[in-house]
Amino acid sequence: MKSIQDKDDLFATIPKRHSGIYKKAIELCTLSDADVGIVIFFPNHNPPSVANTSIDSISNRSLNQNLTSNNTARVNELEQMRPL
């Protein structure tokens, strides 16, 4: 994999890849009952693209806190995080 050097090409490619990552995350949740958290930092140094309670839930659980939710709720949360 090679970094995209042309800024115009880079910013045109980001939404496509961003959308693809969300689709794969939803598929992973659905097929394997996995919890998935995604944080994407863009090259223009904007804040992370994802910051909602599902990310907090996943990070808290990874810090040995017992938080639970069902698979349907996780998929719905991921779908709501998708860019328009």
Protein backbone atom coordinates (compact mmCIF):
# COMPACT_ATOMS: atom_id res chain seq x y z
CA MET A 1 0.00 0.00 0.00
CA LYS A 2 1.31 3.42 -0.92
CA SER A 3 0.37 6.81 0.46
CA ILE A 4 -1.52 9.13 -1.89
CA GLN A 5 0.67 12.15 -2.55
CA ASP A 6 -1.73 14.44 -4.47
CA LYS A 7 -3.89 16.34 -1.96
CA ASP A 8 -6.91 16.51 -4.29
CA ASP A 9 -6.77 12.76 -4.90
CA LEU A 10 -6.31 12.15 -1.18
CA PHE A 11 -9.36 14.17 -0.16
CA ALA A 12 -11.45 12.54 -2.90
CA THR A 13 -10.45 9.07 -1.72
CA ILE A 14 -11.07 9.58 2.02
CA PRO A 15 -14.92 9.47 1.91
CA LYS A 16 -14.87 6.26 -0.16
CA ARG A 17 -12.49 4.49 2.22
CA HIS A 18 -14.31 5.91 5.25
CA SER A 19 -17.60 4.47 4.01
CA GLY A 20 -16.00 1.11 3.25
CA ILE A 21 -14.54 0.87 6.75
CA TYR A 22 -17.96 1.48 8.33
CA LYS A 23 -19.58 -1.15 6.11
CA LYS A 24 -16.94 -3.71 7.12
CA ALA A 25 -17.40 -2.83 10.80
CA ILE A 26 -21.17 -3.37 10.56
CA GLU A 27 -20.60 -6.67 8.78
CA LEU A 28 -18.12 -7.79 11.45
CA CYS A 29 -20.60 -6.94 14.23
CA THR A 30 -23.41 -8.77 12.49
CA LEU A 31 -21.50 -11.92 11.58
CA SER A 32 -19.39 -12.42 14.68
CA ASP A 33 -21.16 -10.57 17.51
CA ALA A 34 -17.99 -8.48 17.89
CA ASP A 35 -17.78 -5.00 19.37
CA VAL A 36 -16.03 -2.66 16.98
CA GLY A 37 -14.82 0.86 17.64
CA ILE A 38 -13.44 3.07 14.89
CA VAL A 39 -11.54 6.32 15.30
CA ILE A 40 -10.22 7.95 12.15
CA PHE A 41 -7.84 10.90 12.19
CA PHE A 42 -7.87 12.81 8.91
CA PRO A 43 -4.71 14.32 7.43
CA ASN A 44 -6.02 17.87 7.91
CA HIS A 45 -5.82 17.26 11.69
CA ASN A 46 -9.53 17.60 12.36
CA PRO A 47 -10.83 15.86 15.49
CA PRO A 48 -11.61 12.13 15.28
CA SER A 49 -14.54 11.28 13.05
CA VAL A 50 -16.20 9.02 15.62
CA ALA A 51 -16.97 9.99 19.18
CA ASN A 52 -20.13 8.51 20.58
CA THR A 53 -21.20 6.37 23.49
CA SER A 54 -20.53 3.09 21.72
CA ILE A 55 -16.84 4.03 21.50
CA ASP A 56 -16.92 4.90 25.20
CA SER A 57 -18.58 1.58 25.96
CA ILE A 58 -15.97 -0.37 24.01
CA SER A 59 -13.05 1.51 25.52
CA ASN A 60 -14.45 1.15 29.04
CA ARG A 61 -14.91 -2.58 28.55
CA SER A 62 -11.35 -2.88 27.34
CA LEU A 63 -10.35 -1.27 30.63
CA ASN A 64 -12.01 -4.20 32.47
CA GLN A 65 -15.37 -2.62 33.14
CA ASN A 66 -18.39 -4.84 32.54
CA LEU A 67 -20.71 -3.08 30.14
CA THR A 68 -23.08 -5.06 27.96
CA SER A 69 -25.37 -4.41 25.03
CA ASN A 70 -27.04 -6.57 22.42
CA ASN A 71 -25.87 -7.01 18.83
CA THR A 72 -28.80 -5.13 17.30
CA ALA A 73 -28.05 -2.03 19.34
CA ARG A 74 -24.39 -2.12 18.28
CA VAL A 75 -25.28 -2.42 14.60
CA ASN A 76 -27.76 0.47 14.91
CA GLU A 77 -25.12 2.62 16.60
CA LEU A 78 -22.62 1.91 13.84
CA GLU A 79 -25.18 2.72 11.16
CA GLN A 80 -25.89 6.06 12.85
CA MET A 81 -22.17 6.91 12.83
CA ARG A 82 -21.92 6.47 9.05
CA PRO A 83 -21.27 9.69 7.17
CA LEU A 84 -24.09 11.08 5.08
